[in-house]
């Protein structure tokens, strides 16, 4: 008899993973089965994969390979149970036609989830499991329902950040936006929302009014409507707080309004880059705008739209004034000062009250860059996802000696408080000549991949927990 308590194990019927009546194991995995197995393998639970001895040799071999690759425990007979299964509360997920067989052969105190073969939706199974854990533990555990793309989720799963059950009292489940939201969101404590993963399209011209210019997926719009109708649900983070970071002009305005830090005597100036918005590069007033913004070449030119469209990554570096003519950067655009920074960029990750940072190689000073790419062209257009040449290897100790960590921690706290966001990232370069600390980018929910998992994951969990008790004023 299993000990009473909370679920610590899952037994998965192979009929849930494979299509029935198919001898070709290579072609018989159900749609979504691989995703489910990855989620289970990183669930923090003991996971057993049950299969019968009478299946084909080909399917048996496929199951064994799955078990090895995903770290699952193979169970071939009902008597083949590990010590964990004999002592743990368990959830059995099986095909409906096999339910009575499982119930007769296994611990009657276990929970059973049966699915009809014709209507089986694997996307709904993680919630079915985690909602049972939530029912068992109640307020002792925080259930987080998350909405993000599979690439991001898989990365976080591999880092151990989205378990069904963690030692920190956290449980994570992907929201199935094709199913009933009321059934799911009446149970979860937090909705973790990566809105930018759900952008379908953006307007060519970003509106300076409240007019809608970002088009999200239908499923995300369904979630947004539900959250608006149920404002008591805690969201990390609300979409209206994230959208300013999708617009480089709005982000610049926010940074210019912030009293980032009280600069101590002799301390660095912390600021955004000098910047101006333009709607054309051959406008007669262009150079008047540049002059009033105190902008001289070299500059970097970026689309106003910061994400959600492929053209948002098309940028240019202008070395000479004539380089603006017919510049192939989508409009409207922002022209920013190109900050010489000795090829070092500092990437900051803010997870609640905890701040981490890393150093990376970056593009060299403008004169050096132009020499490296061996061009006399007055400007170059590039894709920001395809890195330009970087400078020499980073001497981290030398680079960090130029960075005022105290000022950056103060900046992180002010940014988080003003933006009302729980998880943010921002990039800083230190001006080669003035030592100004220039914030060149701010983004929501970065992957914080430069931070060791042992530090980042607990900080991530803690930030989510603490966000429930914090409200931005």
Protein backbone atom coordinates (compact mmCIF):
# COMPACT_ATOMS: atom_id res chain seq x y z
CA UNK A 1 0.00 0.00 0.00
CA UNK A 2 1.37 3.39 -0.98
CA UNK A 3 1.88 5.96 1.76
CA UNK A 4 -0.74 8.68 1.86
CA UNK A 5 0.53 12.09 0.84
CA UNK A 6 1.17 13.84 -2.43
CA UNK A 7 1.88 12.40 -5.83
CA UNK A 8 5.54 11.62 -6.41
CA UNK A 9 5.31 9.19 -9.34
CA UNK A 10 3.60 8.76 -12.70
CA UNK A 11 3.05 5.49 -14.55
CA UNK A 12 2.38 5.99 -18.25
CA UNK A 13 0.66 3.32 -20.31
CA UNK A 14 2.51 2.80 -23.60
CA UNK A 15 -0.87 2.98 -25.34
CA UNK A 16 -0.89 6.67 -24.46
CA UNK A 17 2.41 7.19 -26.30
CA UNK A 18 1.84 5.05 -29.40
CA UNK A 19 -0.99 4.87 -31.88
CA UNK A 20 -2.82 1.58 -31.66
CA UNK A 21 -2.71 -1.24 -34.26
CA UNK A 22 0.47 -0.03 -35.88
CA UNK A 23 3.39 -2.36 -36.20
CA UNK A 24 5.77 0.30 -37.47
CA UNK A 25 7.04 1.85 -34.24
CA UNK A 26 9.00 4.53 -36.08
CA UNK A 27 5.76 5.94 -37.48
CA UNK A 28 3.37 5.24 -34.62
CA UNK A 29 4.18 7.87 -31.99
CA UNK A 30 1.12 9.99 -31.29
CA UNK A 31 1.28 13.69 -32.19
CA UNK A 32 2.65 15.50 -29.16
CA UNK A 33 4.00 12.33 -27.52
CA UNK A 34 7.64 13.42 -27.68
CA UNK A 35 6.77 16.76 -26.08
CA UNK A 36 4.86 14.99 -23.28
CA UNK A 37 7.77 12.63 -22.62
CA UNK A 38 10.23 15.53 -22.41
CA UNK A 39 7.94 17.31 -19.95
CA UNK A 40 7.59 14.17 -17.85
CA UNK A 41 11.32 13.48 -17.92
CA UNK A 42 11.91 16.93 -16.40
CA UNK A 43 8.90 16.83 -14.08
CA UNK A 44 10.77 16.13 -10.83
CA UNK A 45 8.64 13.00 -10.43
CA UNK A 46 9.47 9.32 -10.77
CA UNK A 47 8.15 8.36 -14.22
CA UNK A 48 7.54 4.78 -15.25
CA UNK A 49 6.66 3.70 -18.79
CA UNK A 50 4.54 0.54 -18.76
CA UNK A 51 4.46 -1.87 -21.69
CA UNK A 52 3.35 -5.47 -22.14
CA UNK A 53 5.47 -8.41 -23.17
CA UNK A 54 3.20 -9.24 -26.12
CA UNK A 55 3.94 -6.08 -28.13
CA UNK A 56 6.07 -6.29 -31.28
CA UNK A 57 9.84 -6.48 -30.97
CA UNK A 58 10.11 -3.28 -32.96
CA UNK A 59 7.84 -1.35 -30.60
CA UNK A 60 9.57 -2.87 -27.57
CA UNK A 61 12.92 -1.64 -28.86
CA UNK A 62 11.48 1.80 -29.56
CA UNK A 63 10.13 2.02 -26.00
CA UNK A 64 13.47 0.98 -24.56
CA UNK A 65 15.22 3.67 -26.59
CA UNK A 66 12.70 6.24 -25.37
CA UNK A 67 13.28 5.12 -21.80
CA UNK A 68 17.03 5.52 -22.12
CA UNK A 69 16.93 8.86 -23.96
CA UNK A 70 14.35 10.43 -21.64
CA UNK A 71 15.55 8.84 -18.39
CA UNK A 72 12.25 6.99 -17.83
CA UNK A 73 11.90 3.75 -15.87
CA UNK A 74 10.58 0.81 -17.91
CA UNK A 75 7.91 -1.40 -16.34
CA UNK A 76 7.10 -4.57 -18.26
CA UNK A 77 4.81 -6.37 -15.81
CA UNK A 78 2.54 -5.17 -13.03
CA UNK A 79 4.78 -6.91 -10.50
CA UNK A 80 7.84 -5.09 -11.89
CA UNK A 81 7.57 -2.11 -9.52
CA UNK A 82 10.43 -0.18 -7.99
CA UNK A 83 10.74 0.71 -4.32
CA UNK A 84 9.62 4.25 -5.21
CA UNK A 85 6.34 3.01 -6.68
CA UNK A 86 5.65 0.75 -3.72
CA UNK A 87 6.00 3.67 -1.29
CA UNK A 88 4.74 6.67 -3.28
CA UNK A 89 1.35 8.10 -4.11
CA UNK A 90 1.11 7.59 -7.86
CA UNK A 91 -0.83 8.78 -10.90
CA UNK A 92 -1.51 6.19 -13.58
CA UNK A 93 -2.22 7.54 -17.06
CA UNK A 94 -3.71 4.84 -19.28
CA UNK A 95 -5.96 4.21 -22.23
CA UNK A 96 -9.60 3.86 -21.19
CA UNK A 97 -9.77 0.32 -22.56
CA UNK A 98 -6.96 -0.69 -20.17
CA UNK A 99 -8.33 1.08 -17.07
CA UNK A 100 -9.90 -1.91 -15.32
CA UNK A 101 -6.81 -4.02 -15.91
CA UNK A 102 -4.63 -1.34 -14.30
CA UNK A 103 -6.98 -0.82 -11.36
CA UNK A 104 -7.15 -4.56 -10.66
CA UNK A 105 -3.38 -4.95 -10.72
CA UNK A 106 -2.13 -1.78 -9.01
CA UNK A 107 -2.61 0.04 -5.70
CA UNK A 108 -6.25 1.05 -5.38
CA UNK A 109 -5.28 4.26 -3.55
CA UNK A 110 -3.54 5.61 -6.64
CA UNK A 111 -5.14 8.15 -8.94
CA UNK A 112 -6.06 6.97 -12.43
CA UNK A 113 -6.43 9.17 -15.52
CA UNK A 114 -8.10 7.32 -18.40
CA UNK A 115 -8.31 8.66 -21.92
CA UNK A 116 -10.34 7.51 -24.86
CA UNK A 117 -8.14 6.60 -27.79
CA UNK A 118 -10.24 8.58 -30.27
CA UNK A 119 -10.18 11.83 -28.27
CA UNK A 120 -6.80 11.64 -26.57
CA UNK A 121 -5.22 15.09 -26.20
CA UNK A 122 -1.70 14.80 -24.82
CA UNK A 123 -1.50 18.58 -24.27
CA UNK A 124 -4.05 18.26 -21.46
CA UNK A 125 -2.23 15.56 -19.48
CA UNK A 126 0.35 17.78 -17.68
CA UNK A 127 -2.47 19.86 -16.20
CA UNK A 128 -4.39 16.72 -15.25
CA UNK A 129 -1.34 15.55 -13.27
CA UNK A 130 -0.37 18.87 -11.70
CA UNK A 131 -3.96 19.69 -10.71
CA UNK A 132 -4.03 16.46 -8.71
CA UNK A 133 -0.83 17.53 -6.94
CA UNK A 134 -2.39 20.94 -6.25
CA UNK A 135 -5.53 19.26 -4.86
CA UNK A 136 -3.42 17.10 -2.57
CA UNK A 137 -1.20 19.91 -1.24
CA UNK A 138 -3.48 22.94 -1.45
CA UNK A 139 -1.78 26.14 -0.30
CA UNK A 140 1.44 24.28 0.46
CA UNK A 141 2.30 24.50 -3.23
CA UNK A 142 2.13 27.28 -5.83
CA UNK A 143 0.83 26.08 -9.20
CA UNK A 144 2.12 28.13 -12.15
CA UNK A 145 0.40 27.83 -15.52
CA UNK A 146 2.71 29.00 -18.28
CA UNK A 147 2.20 30.20 -21.85
CA UNK A 148 5.33 30.34 -24.03
CA UNK A 149 6.67 28.82 -27.23
CA UNK A 150 8.03 25.28 -27.19
CA UNK A 151 11.64 26.34 -27.83
CA UNK A 152 11.65 28.51 -24.71
CA UNK A 153 9.77 25.95 -22.63
CA UNK A 154 12.13 23.17 -23.68
CA UNK A 155 15.16 25.28 -22.73
CA UNK A 156 13.68 25.96 -19.29
CA UNK A 157 12.70 22.31 -18.88
CA UNK A 158 16.24 21.20 -19.62
CA UNK A 159 17.49 23.61 -16.96
CA UNK A 160 15.08 22.12 -14.43
CA UNK A 161 13.11 25.37 -14.13
CA UNK A 162 9.59 24.06 -14.95
CA UNK A 163 9.06 20.86 -12.92
CA UNK A 164 5.67 19.42 -12.07
CA UNK A 165 6.98 19.29 -8.51
CA UNK A 166 9.96 21.14 -7.03
CA UNK A 167 11.58 21.23 -3.62
CA UNK A 168 10.77 24.96 -3.50
CA UNK A 169 7.03 24.32 -3.26
CA UNK A 170 6.43 25.16 -6.92
CA UNK A 171 4.58 23.22 -9.60
CA UNK A 172 4.54 24.19 -13.29
CA UNK A 173 2.10 23.20 -15.99
CA UNK A 174 1.76 24.31 -19.61
CA UNK A 175 -1.62 25.92 -20.24
CA UNK A 176 -3.62 24.20 -22.96
CA UNK A 177 -5.22 27.22 -24.61
CA UNK A 178 -7.34 25.02 -26.87
CA UNK A 179 -9.18 23.62 -23.83
CA UNK A 180 -11.37 25.20 -21.18
CA UNK A 181 -9.55 28.10 -19.54
CA UNK A 182 -12.00 28.22 -16.67
CA UNK A 183 -11.12 24.65 -15.69
CA UNK A 184 -7.40 25.45 -15.70
CA UNK A 185 -7.23 29.02 -14.41
CA UNK A 186 -9.56 28.32 -11.50
CA UNK A 187 -6.82 26.05 -10.16
CA UNK A 188 -3.52 27.78 -10.97
CA UNK A 189 -2.09 30.43 -8.64
CA UNK A 190 0.04 32.28 -11.22
CA UNK A 191 -0.12 32.68 -14.98
CA UNK A 192 3.40 33.02 -16.42
CA UNK A 193 2.93 34.85 -19.68
CA UNK A 194 5.51 35.34 -22.47
CA UNK A 195 3.41 37.57 -24.70
CA UNK A 196 6.09 38.15 -27.32
CA UNK A 197 6.08 34.42 -28.18
CA UNK A 198 2.48 34.79 -29.35
CA UNK A 199 2.90 37.71 -31.78
CA UNK A 200 1.49 36.92 -35.23
CA UNK A 201 2.19 40.27 -36.89
CA UNK A 202 2.84 43.93 -36.16
CA UNK A 203 1.87 47.08 -38.01
CA UNK A 204 4.42 48.59 -40.36
CA UNK A 205 3.96 51.88 -38.53
CA UNK A 206 3.90 51.77 -34.74
CA UNK A 207 1.11 53.98 -33.48
CA UNK A 208 1.88 56.75 -31.00
CA UNK A 209 -1.67 56.43 -29.71
CA UNK A 210 -3.46 53.59 -27.95
CA UNK A 211 -4.42 52.10 -31.30
CA UNK A 212 -3.72 48.38 -31.50
CA UNK A 213 -0.57 47.66 -33.54
CA UNK A 214 0.42 44.21 -32.27
CA UNK A 215 -1.60 41.23 -33.47
CA UNK A 216 -1.41 38.21 -31.18
CA UNK A 217 -2.49 34.64 -31.93
CA UNK A 218 -6.17 33.76 -31.52
CA UNK A 219 -5.36 31.45 -28.64
CA UNK A 220 -3.46 34.19 -26.83
CA UNK A 221 -6.28 36.67 -27.40
CA UNK A 222 -8.60 34.11 -25.81
CA UNK A 223 -6.33 34.02 -22.75
CA UNK A 224 -6.11 37.82 -22.61
CA UNK A 225 -9.89 38.19 -22.69
CA UNK A 226 -10.24 35.69 -19.86
CA UNK A 227 -7.64 37.48 -17.73
CA UNK A 228 -9.33 40.83 -18.31
CA UNK A 229 -12.62 39.32 -17.14
CA UNK A 230 -10.90 37.82 -14.08
CA UNK A 231 -8.53 40.53 -12.76
CA UNK A 232 -7.99 38.60 -9.53
CA UNK A 233 -5.76 36.10 -11.36
CA UNK A 234 -2.10 36.92 -10.75
CA UNK A 235 -0.17 37.32 -14.01
CA UNK A 236 3.60 37.47 -14.50
CA UNK A 237 3.61 39.75 -16.29
CA UNK A 238 0.57 41.68 -17.65
CA UNK A 239 0.82 42.26 -21.39
CA UNK A 240 0.20 46.01 -21.12
CA UNK A 241 3.39 46.32 -19.08
CA UNK A 242 5.38 44.34 -21.63
CA UNK A 243 4.25 46.08 -24.81
CA UNK A 244 6.32 49.27 -24.27
CA UNK A 245 9.43 47.10 -24.60
CA UNK A 246 8.28 46.00 -28.06
CA UNK A 247 8.59 49.60 -29.26
CA UNK A 248 12.05 51.18 -29.25
CA UNK A 249 10.63 54.71 -29.07
CA UNK A 250 8.46 53.83 -26.06
CA UNK A 251 11.41 52.10 -24.38
CA UNK A 252 13.60 55.15 -24.96
CA UNK A 253 10.93 57.43 -23.46
CA UNK A 254 10.67 55.22 -20.38
CA UNK A 255 14.42 55.26 -19.88
CA UNK A 256 14.63 59.01 -20.31
CA UNK A 257 11.91 59.52 -17.69
CA UNK A 258 13.54 57.28 -15.12
CA UNK A 259 15.55 58.77 -12.28
CA UNK A 260 17.74 55.69 -12.68
CA UNK A 261 20.03 56.28 -9.72
CA UNK A 262 21.28 58.97 -7.45
CA UNK A 263 24.76 59.33 -8.91
CA UNK A 264 27.34 59.47 -6.16
CA UNK A 265 30.21 61.92 -6.39
CA UNK A 266 32.60 60.55 -8.99
CA UNK A 267 30.14 57.81 -9.92
CA UNK A 268 29.10 56.98 -13.49
CA UNK A 269 26.28 58.59 -15.39
CA UNK A 270 23.69 55.94 -16.19
CA UNK A 271 21.61 56.79 -19.23
CA UNK A 272 20.03 55.56 -22.46
CA UNK A 273 21.81 56.33 -25.74
CA UNK A 274 21.05 59.64 -27.42
CA UNK A 275 18.31 58.90 -29.90
CA UNK A 276 15.82 60.37 -32.37
CA UNK A 277 12.85 58.89 -34.22
CA UNK A 278 12.70 59.35 -37.99
CA UNK A 279 10.09 58.53 -40.62
CA UNK A 280 12.41 58.91 -43.60
CA UNK A 281 16.13 59.04 -44.39
CA UNK A 282 15.91 61.54 -47.23
CA UNK A 283 13.78 63.99 -45.25
CA UNK A 284 15.16 67.54 -45.59
CA UNK A 285 14.79 67.96 -41.83
CA UNK A 286 16.80 64.82 -40.98
CA UNK A 287 20.03 66.58 -40.11
CA UNK A 288 18.19 69.22 -38.09
CA UNK A 289 16.70 66.41 -36.02
CA UNK A 290 20.11 64.81 -35.58
CA UNK A 291 21.65 68.12 -34.56
CA UNK A 292 18.94 68.86 -31.98
CA UNK A 293 19.49 65.40 -30.48
CA UNK A 294 23.26 65.99 -30.44
CA UNK A 295 23.78 63.00 -32.73
CA UNK A 296 26.79 62.72 -35.01
CA UNK A 297 28.18 59.76 -36.89
CA UNK A 298 28.86 57.00 -36.21
CA UNK A 299 25.28 56.00 -35.37
CA UNK A 300 23.30 52.81 -35.27
CA UNK A 301 19.87 52.73 -36.93
CA UNK A 302 17.15 50.35 -35.77
CA UNK A 303 13.48 49.81 -36.72
CA UNK A 304 11.04 51.23 -34.19
CA UNK A 305 9.47 47.79 -33.90
CA UNK A 306 11.67 45.80 -31.51
CA UNK A 307 10.24 42.29 -31.96
CA UNK A 308 7.55 40.20 -33.57
CA UNK A 309 8.60 40.82 -37.16
CA UNK A 310 11.63 39.66 -39.13
CA UNK A 311 12.37 43.23 -40.21
CA UNK A 312 12.81 44.28 -36.58
CA UNK A 313 16.31 42.76 -36.78
CA UNK A 314 17.38 44.74 -39.87
CA UNK A 315 19.75 47.45 -38.66
CA UNK A 316 22.53 49.66 -39.96
CA UNK A 317 25.68 51.38 -38.76
CA UNK A 318 26.24 54.74 -40.42
CA UNK A 319 29.86 55.93 -40.62
CA UNK A 320 29.32 59.07 -42.72
CA UNK A 321 26.40 61.48 -43.16
CA UNK A 322 25.90 60.40 -46.77
CA UNK A 323 25.27 56.87 -45.46
CA UNK A 324 21.69 57.77 -44.54
CA UNK A 325 20.66 58.19 -48.17
CA UNK A 326 18.33 55.35 -49.26
CA UNK A 327 19.22 53.40 -46.12
CA UNK A 328 17.50 49.98 -46.23
CA UNK A 329 16.21 49.94 -42.63
CA UNK A 330 12.43 49.62 -42.16
CA UNK A 331 10.63 52.83 -41.20
CA UNK A 332 9.80 54.37 -38.84
CA UNK A 333 13.20 53.96 -37.25
CA UNK A 334 15.33 55.25 -34.42
CA UNK A 335 18.82 56.63 -34.88
CA UNK A 336 21.02 56.13 -31.83
CA UNK A 337 24.55 57.12 -31.02
CA UNK A 338 27.01 54.32 -31.63
CA UNK A 339 28.77 54.00 -28.30
CA UNK A 340 32.43 52.96 -28.48
CA UNK A 341 32.73 50.41 -25.68
CA UNK A 342 35.94 48.42 -26.17
CA UNK A 343 34.10 45.36 -27.52
CA UNK A 344 32.46 44.46 -24.20
CA UNK A 345 28.75 44.34 -23.41
CA UNK A 346 27.30 43.55 -19.98
CA UNK A 347 24.07 41.57 -19.94
CA UNK A 348 21.99 41.98 -16.78
CA UNK A 349 19.25 39.59 -15.69
CA UNK A 350 16.74 40.73 -13.08
CA UNK A 351 14.77 37.94 -11.40
CA UNK A 352 12.65 39.62 -8.77
CA UNK A 353 15.03 41.26 -6.34
CA UNK A 354 18.04 39.24 -7.48
CA UNK A 355 20.38 40.61 -10.14
CA UNK A 356 22.89 38.64 -12.21
CA UNK A 357 25.14 39.71 -15.02
CA UNK A 358 27.61 38.36 -17.53
CA UNK A 359 30.16 39.83 -19.91
CA UNK A 360 30.21 39.10 -23.63
CA UNK A 361 32.27 40.08 -26.61
CA UNK A 362 30.66 42.78 -28.69
CA UNK A 363 31.33 44.85 -31.79
CA UNK A 364 34.51 46.90 -31.61
CA UNK A 365 34.76 50.67 -31.65
CA UNK A 366 33.41 52.10 -34.91
CA UNK A 367 36.78 52.91 -36.53
CA UNK A 368 38.07 49.42 -35.76
CA UNK A 369 34.86 47.80 -37.00
CA UNK A 370 35.05 49.59 -40.33
CA UNK A 371 38.62 48.40 -40.75
CA UNK A 372 37.76 44.82 -39.80
CA UNK A 373 34.99 44.54 -42.39
CA UNK A 374 37.25 46.28 -44.91
CA UNK A 375 34.72 48.71 -46.29
CA UNK A 376 34.74 52.30 -47.41
CA UNK A 377 30.96 52.32 -47.72
CA UNK A 378 29.35 55.15 -45.74
CA UNK A 379 27.02 52.67 -43.99
CA UNK A 380 26.44 48.93 -43.57
CA UNK A 381 23.13 47.12 -43.17
CA UNK A 382 23.07 43.92 -41.11
CA UNK A 383 20.80 41.39 -39.43
CA UNK A 384 21.18 41.67 -35.66
CA UNK A 385 20.58 37.91 -35.32
CA UNK A 386 23.70 37.32 -37.41
CA UNK A 387 26.48 38.77 -35.39
CA UNK A 388 28.84 41.40 -36.78
CA UNK A 389 32.56 40.89 -36.17
CA UNK A 390 33.46 41.10 -32.50
CA UNK A 391 36.57 42.51 -30.93
CA UNK A 392 39.30 40.74 -29.04
CA UNK A 393 38.60 38.16 -26.36
CA UNK A 394 37.07 39.68 -23.26
CA UNK A 395 39.40 40.23 -20.31
CA UNK A 396 36.65 39.91 -17.74
CA UNK A 397 38.65 41.36 -14.86
CA UNK A 398 39.68 44.39 -16.87
CA UNK A 399 36.14 44.84 -18.22
CA UNK A 400 34.56 44.58 -14.80
CA UNK A 401 36.94 47.13 -13.38
CA UNK A 402 35.15 49.71 -15.54
CA UNK A 403 31.70 48.61 -14.40
CA UNK A 404 30.06 50.14 -11.33
CA UNK A 405 28.17 47.14 -9.94
CA UNK A 406 26.49 49.14 -7.18
CA UNK A 407 25.12 51.63 -9.69
CA UNK A 408 23.87 48.78 -11.88
CA UNK A 409 22.08 47.08 -9.00
CA UNK A 410 20.38 50.36 -8.17
CA UNK A 411 19.45 50.74 -11.83
CA UNK A 412 17.98 47.22 -11.91
CA UNK A 413 15.81 47.96 -8.86
CA UNK A 414 14.50 51.21 -10.34
CA UNK A 415 13.80 49.60 -13.72
CA UNK A 416 11.93 46.70 -12.16
CA UNK A 417 9.87 48.99 -9.95
CA UNK A 418 9.03 51.49 -12.68
CA UNK A 419 8.23 48.92 -15.38
CA UNK A 420 6.28 46.73 -12.97
CA UNK A 421 7.90 43.59 -14.37
CA UNK A 422 9.15 40.55 -12.48
CA UNK A 423 11.67 39.19 -14.99
CA UNK A 424 13.65 41.60 -17.17
CA UNK A 425 16.98 41.87 -18.91
CA UNK A 426 18.97 44.90 -19.93
CA UNK A 427 22.22 45.40 -21.77
CA UNK A 428 24.81 47.98 -20.75
CA UNK A 429 27.97 49.24 -22.42
CA UNK A 430 30.55 51.46 -20.79
CA UNK A 431 31.56 54.40 -22.98
CA UNK A 432 35.26 54.10 -23.85
CA UNK A 433 35.94 57.79 -23.22
CA UNK A 434 33.35 59.22 -20.80
CA UNK A 435 32.79 56.03 -18.73
CA UNK A 436 29.02 56.62 -18.99
CA UNK A 437 27.03 53.45 -18.40
CA UNK A 438 24.68 53.36 -21.40
CA UNK A 439 21.59 51.12 -21.39
CA UNK A 440 21.34 49.98 -25.00
CA UNK A 441 18.49 47.47 -24.69
CA UNK A 442 15.75 46.36 -22.28
CA UNK A 443 13.79 43.15 -22.80
CA UNK A 444 11.22 41.04 -21.01
CA UNK A 445 11.75 37.48 -19.77
CA UNK A 446 15.25 36.84 -21.17
CA UNK A 447 16.52 33.27 -21.12
CA UNK A 448 19.21 34.15 -18.51
CA UNK A 449 21.28 31.36 -20.06
CA UNK A 450 24.55 32.98 -18.94
CA UNK A 451 23.62 32.41 -15.29
CA UNK A 452 24.42 28.99 -13.78
CA UNK A 453 21.30 26.85 -13.28
CA UNK A 454 22.09 26.44 -9.58
CA UNK A 455 21.69 30.20 -9.15
CA UNK A 456 19.18 31.14 -11.85
CA UNK A 457 16.50 28.51 -11.22
CA UNK A 458 16.00 29.13 -7.45
CA UNK A 459 16.02 32.89 -8.16
CA UNK A 460 13.39 32.36 -10.87
CA UNK A 461 11.16 30.40 -8.51
CA UNK A 462 11.62 32.91 -5.69
CA UNK A 463 10.79 35.83 -7.99
CA UNK A 464 7.51 34.18 -8.99
CA UNK A 465 6.60 33.41 -5.38
CA UNK A 466 7.38 36.94 -4.19
CA UNK A 467 5.51 38.56 -7.08
CA UNK A 468 2.23 37.39 -5.55
CA UNK A 469 2.86 39.68 -2.57
CA UNK A 470 4.12 42.65 -4.60
CA UNK A 471 2.10 45.15 -6.55
CA UNK A 472 3.56 48.03 -8.55
CA UNK A 473 2.15 51.40 -7.54
